PDB file of N, CA and C in Angstrom:
ATOM      1  N   MET A   1      52.388 -33.855 -88.914  1.00  0.00           N
ATOM      2  CA  MET A   1      51.458 -32.934 -88.808  1.00  0.00           C
ATOM      3  C   MET A   1      50.333 -33.492 -87.886  1.00  0.00           C
ATOM      4  N   THR A   2      49.830 -32.684 -86.952  1.00  0.00           N
ATOM      5  CA  THR A   2      48.765 -33.115 -86.075  1.00  0.00           C
ATOM      6  C   THR A   2      47.499 -32.702 -86.533  1.00  0.00           C
ATOM      7  N   THR A   3      46.552 -33.537 -86.348  1.00  0.00           N
ATOM      8  CA  THR A   3      45.128 -33.087 -86.661  1.00  0.00           C
ATOM      9  C   THR A   3      44.446 -32.286 -85.655  1.00  0.00           C
ATOM     10  N   ARG A   4      43.334 -31.794 -85.876  1.00  0.00           N
ATOM     11  CA  ARG A   4      42.669 -30.924 -85.011  1.00  0.00           C
ATOM     12  C   ARG A   4      42.192 -31.716 -83.795  1.00  0.00           C
ATOM     13  N   ARG A   5      41.756 -32.924 -84.025  1.00  0.00           N
ATOM     14  CA  ARG A   5      41.274 -33.846 -82.954  1.00  0.00           C
ATOM     15  C   ARG A   5      42.387 -34.132 -81.985  1.00  0.00           C
ATOM     16  N   LYS A   6      43.622 -34.500 -82.477  1.00  0.00           N
ATOM     17  CA  LYS A   6      44.685 -34.836 -81.671  1.00  0.00           C
ATOM     18  C   LYS A   6      45.214 -33.626 -80.909  1.00  0.00           C
ATOM     19  N   ARG A   7      45.146 -32.486 -81.469  1.00  0.00           N
ATOM     20  CA  ARG A   7      45.514 -31.287 -80.814  1.00  0.00           C
ATOM     21  C   ARG A   7      44.641 -30.900 -79.617  1.00  0.00           C
ATOM     22  N   HIS A   8      43.318 -31.049 -79.841  1.00  0.00           N
ATOM     23  CA  HIS A   8      42.371 -30.810 -78.810  1.00  0.00           C
ATOM     24  C   HIS A   8      42.437 -31.841 -77.672  1.00  0.00           C
ATOM     25  N   ARG A   9      42.666 -33.062 -78.038  1.00  0.00           N
ATOM     26  CA  ARG A   9      42.860 -34.176 -76.994  1.00  0.00           C
ATOM     27  C   ARG A   9      44.074 -33.870 -76.162  1.00  0.00           C
ATOM     28  N   LYS A  10      45.170 -33.321 -76.786  1.00  0.00           N
ATOM     29  CA  LYS A  10      46.404 -33.014 -76.005  1.00  0.00           C
ATOM     30  C   LYS A  10      46.184 -31.868 -75.073  1.00  0.00           C
ATOM     31  N   GLN A  11      45.384 -30.866 -75.543  1.00  0.00           N
ATOM     32  CA  GLN A  11      45.076 -29.782 -74.717  1.00  0.00           C
ATOM     33  C   GLN A  11      44.174 -30.100 -73.500  1.00  0.00           C
ATOM     34  N   VAL A  12      43.193 -30.954 -73.728  1.00  0.00           N
ATOM     35  CA  VAL A  12      42.333 -31.418 -72.703  1.00  0.00           C
ATOM     36  C   VAL A  12      43.090 -32.268 -71.685  1.00  0.00           C
ATOM     37  N   PHE A  13      43.825 -33.146 -72.124  1.00  0.00           N
ATOM     38  CA  PHE A  13      44.537 -34.022 -71.175  1.00  0.00           C
ATOM     39  C   PHE A  13      45.613 -33.305 -70.400  1.00  0.00           C
ATOM     40  N   TRP A  14      46.219 -32.230 -70.859  1.00  0.00           N
ATOM     41  CA  TRP A  14      47.194 -31.467 -70.173  1.00  0.00           C
ATOM     42  C   TRP A  14      46.455 -31.012 -68.843  1.00  0.00           C
ATOM     43  N   VAL A  15      45.282 -30.454 -68.979  1.00  0.00           N
ATOM     44  CA  VAL A  15      44.601 -29.993 -67.774  1.00  0.00           C
ATOM     45  C   VAL A  15      44.056 -31.091 -66.908  1.00  0.00           C
ATOM     46  N   ILE A  16      43.463 -32.068 -67.492  1.00  0.00           N
ATOM     47  CA  ILE A  16      42.993 -33.262 -66.672  1.00  0.00           C
ATOM     48  C   ILE A  16      44.103 -33.980 -65.923  1.00  0.00           C
ATOM     49  N   ASP A  17      45.283 -34.082 -66.535  1.00  0.00           N
ATOM     50  CA  ASP A  17      46.421 -34.654 -65.841  1.00  0.00           C
ATOM     51  C   ASP A  17      46.818 -33.816 -64.638  1.00  0.00           C
ATOM     52  N   ARG A  18      46.809 -32.498 -64.753  1.00  0.00           N
ATOM     53  CA  ARG A  18      47.064 -31.612 -63.624  1.00  0.00           C
ATOM     54  C   ARG A  18      46.094 -31.759 -62.580  1.00  0.00           C
ATOM     55  N   ILE A  19      44.824 -31.838 -62.897  1.00  0.00           N
ATOM     56  CA  ILE A  19      43.716 -31.965 -61.919  1.00  0.00           C
ATOM     57  C   ILE A  19      43.883 -33.333 -61.195  1.00  0.00           C
ATOM     58  N   MET A  20      44.079 -34.327 -61.947  1.00  0.00           N
ATOM     59  CA  MET A  20      44.084 -35.707 -61.252  1.00  0.00           C
ATOM     60  C   MET A  20      45.400 -36.137 -60.781  1.00  0.00           C
ATOM     61  N   ALA A  21      46.404 -35.265 -60.757  1.00  0.00           N
ATOM     62  CA  ALA A  21      47.754 -35.655 -60.268  1.00  0.00           C
ATOM     63  C   ALA A  21      47.902 -35.856 -58.826  1.00  0.00           C
ATOM     64  N   ASP A  22      46.902 -35.337 -58.051  1.00  0.00           N
ATOM     65  CA  ASP A  22      46.855 -35.637 -56.569  1.00  0.00           C
ATOM     66  C   ASP A  22      46.417 -37.044 -56.221  1.00  0.00           C
ATOM     67  N   GLY A  23      45.882 -37.764 -57.123  1.00  0.00           N
ATOM     68  CA  GLY A  23      45.640 -39.173 -56.819  1.00  0.00           C
ATOM     69  C   GLY A  23      44.276 -39.423 -56.185  1.00  0.00           C
ATOM     70  N   LYS A  24      43.393 -38.425 -56.131  1.00  0.00           N
ATOM     71  CA  LYS A  24      42.008 -38.569 -55.491  1.00  0.00           C
ATOM     72  C   LYS A  24      41.150 -39.130 -56.569  1.00  0.00           C
ATOM     73  N   GLU A  25      40.076 -39.823 -56.054  1.00  0.00           N
ATOM     74  CA  GLU A  25      38.987 -40.362 -56.879  1.00  0.00           C
ATOM     75  C   GLU A  25      38.036 -39.292 -57.183  1.00  0.00           C
ATOM     76  N   ARG A  26      37.652 -39.128 -58.457  1.00  0.00           N
ATOM     77  CA  ARG A  26      36.626 -38.037 -58.845  1.00  0.00           C
ATOM     78  C   ARG A  26      35.703 -38.633 -59.895  1.00  0.00           C
ATOM     79  N   THR A  27      34.474 -38.104 -59.870  1.00  0.00           N
ATOM     80  CA  THR A  27      33.561 -38.426 -60.905  1.00  0.00           C
ATOM     81  C   THR A  27      33.853 -37.458 -62.088  1.00  0.00           C
ATOM     82  N   ALA A  28      33.302 -37.817 -63.265  1.00  0.00           N
ATOM     83  CA  ALA A  28      33.441 -36.992 -64.482  1.00  0.00           C
ATOM     84  C   ALA A  28      32.875 -35.525 -64.190  1.00  0.00           C
ATOM     85  N   GLU A  29      31.824 -35.499 -63.365  1.00  0.00           N
ATOM     86  CA  GLU A  29      31.220 -34.108 -63.156  1.00  0.00           C
ATOM     87  C   GLU A  29      32.213 -33.298 -62.301  1.00  0.00           C
ATOM     88  N   ASN A  30      32.882 -33.941 -61.331  1.00  0.00           N
ATOM     89  CA  ASN A  30      33.817 -33.194 -60.493  1.00  0.00           C
ATOM     90  C   ASN A  30      35.036 -32.802 -61.317  1.00  0.00           C
ATOM     91  N   ILE A  31      35.438 -33.593 -62.213  1.00  0.00           N
ATOM     92  CA  ILE A  31      36.570 -33.270 -63.049  1.00  0.00           C
ATOM     93  C   ILE A  31      36.122 -32.037 -63.947  1.00  0.00           C
ATOM     94  N   ARG A  32      34.979 -32.013 -64.495  1.00  0.00           N
ATOM     95  CA  ARG A  32      34.460 -30.895 -65.339  1.00  0.00           C
ATOM     96  C   ARG A  32      34.412 -29.636 -64.520  1.00  0.00           C
ATOM     97  N   GLU A  33      33.983 -29.690 -63.244  1.00  0.00           N
ATOM     98  CA  GLU A  33      33.902 -28.502 -62.478  1.00  0.00           C
ATOM     99  C   GLU A  33      35.364 -27.944 -62.149  1.00  0.00           C
ATOM    100  N   LYS A  34      36.298 -28.852 -61.823  1.00  0.00           N
ATOM    101  CA  LYS A  34      37.659 -28.430 -61.660  1.00  0.00           C
ATOM    102  C   LYS A  34      38.225 -27.879 -62.974  1.00  0.00           C
ATOM    103  N   PHE A  35      37.852 -28.462 -64.072  1.00  0.00           N
ATOM    104  CA  PHE A  35      38.363 -27.998 -65.379  1.00  0.00           C
ATOM    105  C   PHE A  35      37.857 -26.565 -65.632  1.00  0.00           C
ATOM    106  N   GLU A  36      36.650 -26.197 -65.292  1.00  0.00           N
ATOM    107  CA  GLU A  36      36.157 -24.898 -65.519  1.00  0.00           C
ATOM    108  C   GLU A  36      36.878 -23.934 -64.595  1.00  0.00           C
ATOM    109  N   GLN A  37      37.244 -24.249 -63.439  1.00  0.00           N
ATOM    110  CA  GLN A  37      37.873 -23.384 -62.482  1.00  0.00           C
ATOM    111  C   GLN A  37      39.385 -23.263 -62.667  1.00  0.00           C
ATOM    112  N   TYR A  38      39.963 -24.168 -63.379  1.00  0.00           N
ATOM    113  CA  TYR A  38      41.483 -24.131 -63.673  1.00  0.00           C
ATOM    114  C   TYR A  38      41.687 -22.951 -64.599  1.00  0.00           C
ATOM    115  N   ARG A  39      42.659 -22.212 -64.120  1.00  0.00           N
ATOM    116  CA  ARG A  39      43.054 -21.023 -64.890  1.00  0.00           C
ATOM    117  C   ARG A  39      43.782 -21.343 -66.201  1.00  0.00           C
ATOM    118  N   SER A  40      43.434 -20.456 -67.249  1.00  0.00           N
ATOM    119  CA  SER A  40      44.109 -20.691 -68.465  1.00  0.00           C
ATOM    120  C   SER A  40      45.499 -19.986 -68.486  1.00  0.00           C
ATOM    121  N   ASP A  41      46.209 -20.094 -69.564  1.00  0.00           N
ATOM    122  CA  ASP A  41      47.505 -19.596 -69.647  1.00  0.00           C
ATOM    123  C   ASP A  41      47.460 -18.078 -69.600  1.00  0.00           C
ATOM    124  N   ARG A  42      46.364 -17.517 -69.991  1.00  0.00           N
ATOM    125  CA  ARG A  42      46.243 -16.002 -69.987  1.00  0.00           C
ATOM    126  C   ARG A  42      45.684 -15.481 -68.759  1.00  0.00           C
ATOM    127  N   GLY A  43      45.454 -16.386 -67.741  1.00  0.00           N
ATOM    128  CA  GLY A  43      44.989 -15.878 -66.448  1.00  0.00           C
ATOM    129  C   GLY A  43      43.479 -15.955 -66.196  1.00  0.00           C
ATOM    130  N   GLY A  44      42.661 -16.053 -67.279  1.00  0.00           N
ATOM    131  CA  GLY A  44      41.253 -16.196 -67.067  1.00  0.00           C
ATOM    132  C   GLY A  44      40.777 -17.591 -66.946  1.00  0.00           C
ATOM    133  N   LYS A  45      39.511 -17.759 -66.925  1.00  0.00           N
ATOM    134  CA  LYS A  45      38.847 -19.130 -66.855  1.00  0.00           C
ATOM    135  C   LYS A  45      39.008 -19.753 -68.148  1.00  0.00           C
ATOM    136  N   ARG A  46      38.999 -21.102 -68.080  1.00  0.00           N
ATOM    137  CA  ARG A  46      39.082 -21.822 -69.388  1.00  0.00           C
ATOM    138  C   ARG A  46      37.883 -21.746 -70.297  1.00  0.00           C
ATOM    139  N   THR A  47      38.056 -21.808 -71.594  1.00  0.00           N
ATOM    140  CA  THR A  47      36.940 -21.857 -72.525  1.00  0.00           C
ATOM    141  C   THR A  47      36.975 -23.183 -73.202  1.00  0.00           C
ATOM    142  N   ASN A  48      35.942 -23.520 -73.913  1.00  0.00           N
ATOM    143  CA  ASN A  48      35.865 -24.840 -74.614  1.00  0.00           C
ATOM    144  C   ASN A  48      36.035 -25.981 -73.700  1.00  0.00           C
ATOM    145  N   VAL A  49      35.338 -25.936 -72.573  1.00  0.00           N
ATOM    146  CA  VAL A  49      35.388 -27.051 -71.549  1.00  0.00           C
ATOM    147  C   VAL A  49      34.638 -28.159 -72.074  1.00  0.00           C
ATOM    148  N   PRO A  50      35.184 -29.359 -72.076  1.00  0.00           N
ATOM    149  CA  PRO A  50      34.480 -30.602 -72.481  1.00  0.00           C
ATOM    150  C   PRO A  50      33.294 -30.992 -71.736  1.00  0.00           C
ATOM    151  N   THR A  51      32.398 -31.623 -72.226  1.00  0.00           N
ATOM    152  CA  THR A  51      31.251 -32.113 -71.466  1.00  0.00           C
ATOM    153  C   THR A  51      31.574 -33.312 -70.612  1.00  0.00           C
ATOM    154  N   THR A  52      30.706 -33.693 -69.651  1.00  0.00           N
ATOM    155  CA  THR A  52      31.074 -34.877 -68.853  1.00  0.00           C
ATOM    156  C   THR A  52      31.147 -36.103 -69.621  1.00  0.00           C
ATOM    157  N   MET A  53      30.336 -36.215 -70.692  1.00  0.00           N
ATOM    158  CA  MET A  53      30.362 -37.443 -71.626  1.00  0.00           C
ATOM    159  C   MET A  53      31.629 -37.469 -72.389  1.00  0.00           C
ATOM    160  N   GLN A  54      32.071 -36.335 -72.828  1.00  0.00           N
ATOM    161  CA  GLN A  54      33.426 -36.298 -73.569  1.00  0.00           C
ATOM    162  C   GLN A  54      34.619 -36.715 -72.652  1.00  0.00           C
ATOM    163  N   ILE A  55      34.458 -36.222 -71.392  1.00  0.00           N
ATOM    164  CA  ILE A  55      35.482 -36.547 -70.318  1.00  0.00           C
ATOM    165  C   ILE A  55      35.512 -38.041 -70.098  1.00  0.00           C
ATOM    166  N   ARG A  56      34.305 -38.572 -69.887  1.00  0.00           N
ATOM    167  CA  ARG A  56      34.254 -40.020 -69.712  1.00  0.00           C
ATOM    168  C   ARG A  56      34.847 -40.828 -70.766  1.00  0.00           C
ATOM    169  N   CYS A  57      34.551 -40.415 -72.124  1.00  0.00           N
ATOM    170  CA  CYS A  57      35.083 -41.190 -73.264  1.00  0.00           C
ATOM    171  C   CYS A  57      36.541 -40.993 -73.435  1.00  0.00           C
ATOM    172  N   LEU A  58      37.038 -39.809 -73.023  1.00  0.00           N
ATOM    173  CA  LEU A  58      38.509 -39.627 -73.133  1.00  0.00           C
ATOM    174  C   LEU A  58      39.286 -40.404 -72.067  1.00  0.00           C
ATOM    175  N   ILE A  59      38.716 -40.324 -70.896  1.00  0.00           N
ATOM    176  CA  ILE A  59      39.508 -41.022 -69.820  1.00  0.00           C
ATOM    177  C   ILE A  59      39.409 -42.487 -69.974  1.00  0.00           C
ATOM    178  N   LYS A  60      38.339 -43.044 -70.398  1.00  0.00           N
ATOM    179  CA  LYS A  60      38.081 -44.427 -70.510  1.00  0.00           C
ATOM    180  C   LYS A  60      39.127 -45.023 -71.521  1.00  0.00           C
ATOM    181  N   THR A  61      39.646 -44.320 -72.551  1.00  0.00           N
ATOM    182  CA  THR A  61      40.640 -44.821 -73.384  1.00  0.00           C
ATOM    183  C   THR A  61      42.041 -44.642 -72.956  1.00  0.00           C
ATOM    184  N   GLU A  62      42.319 -43.876 -71.917  1.00  0.00           N
ATOM    185  CA  GLU A  62      43.645 -43.715 -71.398  1.00  0.00           C
ATOM    186  C   GLU A  62      44.028 -44.781 -70.474  1.00  0.00           C
ATOM    187  N   LYS A  63      45.322 -45.303 -70.595  1.00  0.00           N
ATOM    188  CA  LYS A  63      45.825 -46.335 -69.759  1.00  0.00           C
ATOM    189  C   LYS A  63      46.188 -45.933 -68.384  1.00  0.00           C
ATOM    190  N   LYS A  64      46.460 -44.655 -68.294  1.00  0.00           N
ATOM    191  CA  LYS A  64      46.912 -44.167 -66.910  1.00  0.00           C
ATOM    192  C   LYS A  64      45.761 -43.867 -65.992  1.00  0.00           C
ATOM    193  N   TYR A  65      44.569 -44.099 -66.334  1.00  0.00           N
ATOM    194  CA  TYR A  65      43.346 -43.816 -65.443  1.00  0.00           C
ATOM    195  C   TYR A  65      42.747 -45.181 -65.169  1.00  0.00           C
ATOM    196  N   GLU A  66      42.259 -45.338 -63.951  1.00  0.00           N
ATOM    197  CA  GLU A  66      41.465 -46.450 -63.646  1.00  0.00           C
ATOM    198  C   GLU A  66      40.071 -46.224 -63.201  1.00  0.00           C
ATOM    199  N   LYS A  67      39.125 -47.100 -63.462  1.00  0.00           N
ATOM    200  CA  LYS A  67      37.706 -46.928 -63.193  1.00  0.00           C
ATOM    201  C   LYS A  67      37.445 -47.589 -61.907  1.00  0.00           C
ATOM    202  N   ILE A  68      36.686 -46.875 -61.018  1.00  0.00           N
ATOM    203  CA  ILE A  68      36.346 -47.434 -59.763  1.00  0.00           C
ATOM    204  C   ILE A  68      34.804 -47.290 -59.560  1.00  0.00           C
ATOM    205  N   GLU A  69      34.154 -48.369 -59.294  1.00  0.00           N
ATOM    206  CA  GLU A  69      32.672 -48.259 -59.050  1.00  0.00           C
ATOM    207  C   GLU A  69      32.370 -48.312 -57.583  1.00  0.00           C
ATOM    208  N   LYS A  70      31.784 -47.361 -57.034  1.00  0.00           N
ATOM    209  CA  LYS A  70      31.423 -47.310 -55.522  1.00  0.00           C
ATOM    210  C   LYS A  70      29.958 -46.774 -55.473  1.00  0.00           C
ATOM    211  N   GLY A  71      29.164 -47.560 -54.831  1.00  0.00           N
ATOM    212  CA  GLY A  71      27.781 -47.188 -54.583  1.00  0.00           C
ATOM    213  C   GLY A  71      26.935 -46.703 -55.753  1.00  0.00           C
ATOM    214  N   GLY A  72      27.178 -47.361 -56.915  1.00  0.00           N
ATOM    215  CA  GLY A  72      26.426 -46.972 -58.107  1.00  0.00           C
ATOM    216  C   GLY A  72      27.089 -45.769 -58.866  1.00  0.00           C
ATOM    217  N   MET A  73      28.233 -45.183 -58.330  1.00  0.00           N
ATOM    218  CA  MET A  73      28.908 -44.108 -59.027  1.00  0.00           C
ATOM    219  C   MET A  73      30.181 -44.600 -59.623  1.00  0.00           C
ATOM    220  N   ILE A  74      30.531 -44.015 -60.775  1.00  0.00           N
ATOM    221  CA  ILE A  74      31.747 -44.329 -61.418  1.00  0.00           C
ATOM    222  C   ILE A  74      32.722 -43.213 -61.124  1.00  0.00           C
ATOM    223  N   LEU A  75      33.845 -43.674 -60.477  1.00  0.00           N
ATOM    224  CA  LEU A  75      34.895 -42.702 -60.036  1.00  0.00           C
ATOM    225  C   LEU A  75      36.120 -43.001 -60.941  1.00  0.00           C
ATOM    226  N   TRP A  76      36.963 -42.000 -61.164  1.00  0.00           N
ATOM    227  CA  TRP A  76      38.096 -42.100 -61.991  1.00  0.00           C
ATOM    228  C   TRP A  76      39.330 -41.779 -61.023  1.00  0.00           C
ATOM    229  N   LYS A  77      40.487 -42.433 -61.224  1.00  0.00           N
ATOM    230  CA  LYS A  77      41.656 -42.205 -60.478  1.00  0.00           C
ATOM    231  C   LYS A  77      42.924 -42.382 -61.306  1.00  0.00           C
ATOM    232  N   MET A  78      43.837 -41.501 -61.267  1.00  0.00           N
ATOM    233  CA  MET A  78      45.093 -41.650 -61.933  1.00  0.00           C
ATOM    234  C   MET A  78      45.927 -42.749 -61.324  1.00  0.00           C
ATOM    235  N   LYS A  79      46.447 -43.615 -62.091  1.00  0.00           N
ATOM    236  CA  LYS A  79      47.284 -44.715 -61.527  1.00  0.00           C
ATOM    237  C   LYS A  79      48.636 -44.046 -61.146  1.00  0.00           C
ATOM    238  N   THR A  80      49.234 -44.508 -60.024  1.00  0.00           N
ATOM    239  CA  THR A  80      50.443 -44.008 -59.589  1.00  0.00           C
ATOM    240  C   THR A  80      51.599 -44.517 -60.474  1.00  0.00           C
ATOM    241  N   SER A  81      51.489 -45.829 -60.947  1.00  0.00           N
ATOM    242  CA  SER A  81      52.543 -46.333 -61.774  1.00  0.00           C
ATOM    243  C   SER A  81      51.824 -47.020 -62.950  1.00  0.00           C
ATOM    244  N   TYR A  82      52.248 -46.805 -64.238  1.00  0.00           N
ATOM    245  CA  TYR A  82      51.688 -47.569 -65.391  1.00  0.00           C
ATOM    246  C   TYR A  82      52.759 -47.725 -66.376  1.00  0.00           C
ATOM    247  N   ILE A  83      52.468 -48.723 -67.225  1.00  0.00           N
ATOM    248  CA  ILE A  83      53.355 -49.052 -68.296  1.00  0.00           C
ATOM    249  C   ILE A  83      52.751 -48.694 -69.609  1.00  0.00           C
ATOM    250  N   GLU A  84      53.536 -47.961 -70.389  1.00  0.00           N
ATOM    251  CA  GLU A  84      52.941 -47.512 -71.748  1.00  0.00           C
ATOM    252  C   GLU A  84      53.341 -48.625 -72.837  1.00  0.00           C
TER     253      GLU A  84
END
């Protein structure tokens, strides 16, 4: 049985993985903007969009994302190959 927290995390990462699949570097704010624009399964805009702080905390704990610091900004990028 999955808990509510695990289910929400899975739903959020499904969208974030799709957004970050192109391999570009993005800030948490850019990821949030793309998340809002990403169409839901029903065709409308997404609801329950996580905040930038939640996105930072979620991505920081995932092994398949790497943190890049450029000019005082923190950028996130999906690794092309990773080992689980």
